Amino acid sequence: MRDFSWKYFAITGDVDAYLFYKEVGGNSEEENVAADELAAVEEAE
């Protein structure tokens, strides 16, 4: 459901879809850290 709400928001820009996405989970702190680490690795290459 989380993926669907994000994809729907990305396509339509519907604010309610974004709010629903955040309500059902959004990005966890672990995902944010993992994304930062991945970006650092890609920059090093």
N, C-alpha and C. Protein backbone atom coordinates (compact mmCIF):
# COMPACT_ATOMS: atom_id res chain seq x y z
N MET A 1 0.82 -1.19 0.00
CA MET A 1 0.00 0.00 0.00
C MET A 1 0.87 1.26 0.00
N ARG A 2 1.99 1.16 0.69
CA ARG A 2 2.90 2.30 0.76
C ARG A 2 3.46 2.65 -0.61
N ASP A 3 3.88 1.62 -1.36
CA ASP A 3 4.42 1.86 -2.69
C ASP A 3 3.36 2.45 -3.62
N PHE A 4 2.14 1.92 -3.52
CA PHE A 4 1.06 2.43 -4.36
C PHE A 4 0.80 3.91 -4.09
N SER A 5 0.73 4.27 -2.79
CA SER A 5 0.43 5.66 -2.47
C SER A 5 1.54 6.59 -2.95
N TRP A 6 2.80 6.13 -2.89
CA TRP A 6 3.90 6.97 -3.39
C TRP A 6 3.82 7.13 -4.91
N LYS A 7 3.60 6.02 -5.60
CA LYS A 7 3.51 6.07 -7.06
C LYS A 7 2.34 6.95 -7.50
N TYR A 8 1.21 6.83 -6.81
CA TYR A 8 0.04 7.65 -7.14
C TYR A 8 0.37 9.13 -6.92
N PHE A 9 1.04 9.44 -5.81
CA PHE A 9 1.44 10.82 -5.56
C PHE A 9 2.40 11.32 -6.63
N ALA A 10 3.37 10.49 -7.00
CA ALA A 10 4.37 10.89 -8.00
C ALA A 10 3.72 11.20 -9.34
N ILE A 11 2.70 10.44 -9.69
CA ILE A 11 2.03 10.63 -10.98
C ILE A 11 1.08 11.82 -10.94
N THR A 12 0.30 11.93 -9.86
CA THR A 12 -0.77 12.93 -9.82
C THR A 12 -0.42 14.20 -9.06
N GLY A 13 0.51 14.11 -8.11
CA GLY A 13 0.81 15.26 -7.27
C GLY A 13 -0.25 15.49 -6.21
N ASP A 14 -1.11 14.51 -5.99
CA ASP A 14 -2.20 14.61 -5.02
C ASP A 14 -1.64 14.66 -3.61
N VAL A 15 -1.89 15.76 -2.90
CA VAL A 15 -1.36 15.94 -1.56
C VAL A 15 -1.91 14.89 -0.60
N ASP A 16 -3.16 14.52 -0.76
CA ASP A 16 -3.74 13.49 0.11
C ASP A 16 -3.00 12.16 -0.03
N ALA A 17 -2.56 11.83 -1.22
CA ALA A 17 -1.80 10.60 -1.43
C ALA A 17 -0.46 10.68 -0.70
N TYR A 18 0.16 11.85 -0.72
CA TYR A 18 1.43 12.02 0.00
C TYR A 18 1.22 11.90 1.50
N LEU A 19 0.18 12.52 2.00
CA LEU A 19 -0.10 12.45 3.43
C LEU A 19 -0.40 11.01 3.85
N PHE A 20 -1.11 10.28 3.01
CA PHE A 20 -1.37 8.87 3.29
C PHE A 20 -0.06 8.08 3.30
N TYR A 21 0.81 8.36 2.34
CA TYR A 21 2.11 7.71 2.27
C TYR A 21 2.88 7.93 3.58
N LYS A 22 2.91 9.17 4.04
CA LYS A 22 3.61 9.47 5.29
C LYS A 22 2.94 8.77 6.47
N GLU A 23 1.63 8.68 6.46
CA GLU A 23 0.90 8.05 7.55
C GLU A 23 1.19 6.56 7.65
N VAL A 24 1.33 5.89 6.51
CA VAL A 24 1.56 4.44 6.53
C VAL A 24 3.03 4.08 6.64
N GLY A 25 3.89 5.04 6.74
CA GLY A 25 5.29 4.69 6.97
C GLY A 25 6.29 5.70 6.48
N GLY A 26 6.11 6.21 5.27
CA GLY A 26 7.10 7.13 4.73
C GLY A 26 8.47 6.50 4.78
N ASN A 27 9.49 7.29 4.81
CA ASN A 27 10.86 6.78 4.92
C ASN A 27 11.21 6.60 6.38
N SER A 28 11.71 5.45 6.72
CA SER A 28 12.20 5.22 8.08
C SER A 28 13.59 5.80 8.21
N GLU A 29 14.05 5.96 9.42
CA GLU A 29 15.39 6.50 9.65
C GLU A 29 16.45 5.56 9.06
N GLU A 30 16.20 4.24 9.14
CA GLU A 30 17.14 3.29 8.57
C GLU A 30 17.25 3.46 7.05
N GLU A 31 16.13 3.71 6.38
CA GLU A 31 16.18 3.93 4.93
C GLU A 31 16.94 5.19 4.60
N ASN A 32 16.78 6.23 5.40
CA ASN A 32 17.51 7.48 5.16
C ASN A 32 19.01 7.27 5.31
N VAL A 33 19.43 6.54 6.34
CA VAL A 33 20.85 6.26 6.56
C VAL A 33 21.40 5.42 5.40
N ALA A 34 20.65 4.41 4.99
CA ALA A 34 21.09 3.55 3.88
C ALA A 34 21.24 4.36 2.60
N ALA A 35 20.31 5.27 2.34
CA ALA A 35 20.39 6.10 1.14
C ALA A 35 21.62 7.02 1.20
N ASP A 36 21.91 7.57 2.37
CA ASP A 36 23.09 8.42 2.53
C ASP A 36 24.37 7.62 2.30
N GLU A 37 24.41 6.40 2.83
CA GLU A 37 25.60 5.56 2.65
C GLU A 37 25.79 5.19 1.18
N LEU A 38 24.70 4.88 0.50
CA LEU A 38 24.78 4.55 -0.92
C LEU A 38 25.27 5.73 -1.72
N ALA A 39 24.79 6.92 -1.42
CA ALA A 39 25.24 8.11 -2.12
C ALA A 39 26.73 8.34 -1.90
N ALA A 40 27.21 8.10 -0.67
CA ALA A 40 28.62 8.29 -0.39
C ALA A 40 29.47 7.30 -1.16
N VAL A 41 29.02 6.06 -1.28
CA VAL A 41 29.76 5.05 -2.03
C VAL A 41 29.80 5.42 -3.51
N GLU A 42 28.68 5.87 -4.05
CA GLU A 42 28.63 6.23 -5.47
C GLU A 42 29.53 7.42 -5.76
N GLU A 43 29.62 8.37 -4.84
CA GLU A 43 30.48 9.53 -5.04
C GLU A 43 31.95 9.11 -5.02
N ALA A 44 32.29 8.11 -4.21
CA ALA A 44 33.67 7.65 -4.10
C ALA A 44 34.14 6.95 -5.35
N GLU A 45 33.23 6.38 -6.10
CA GLU A 45 33.60 5.62 -7.30
C GLU A 45 33.90 6.49 -8.43
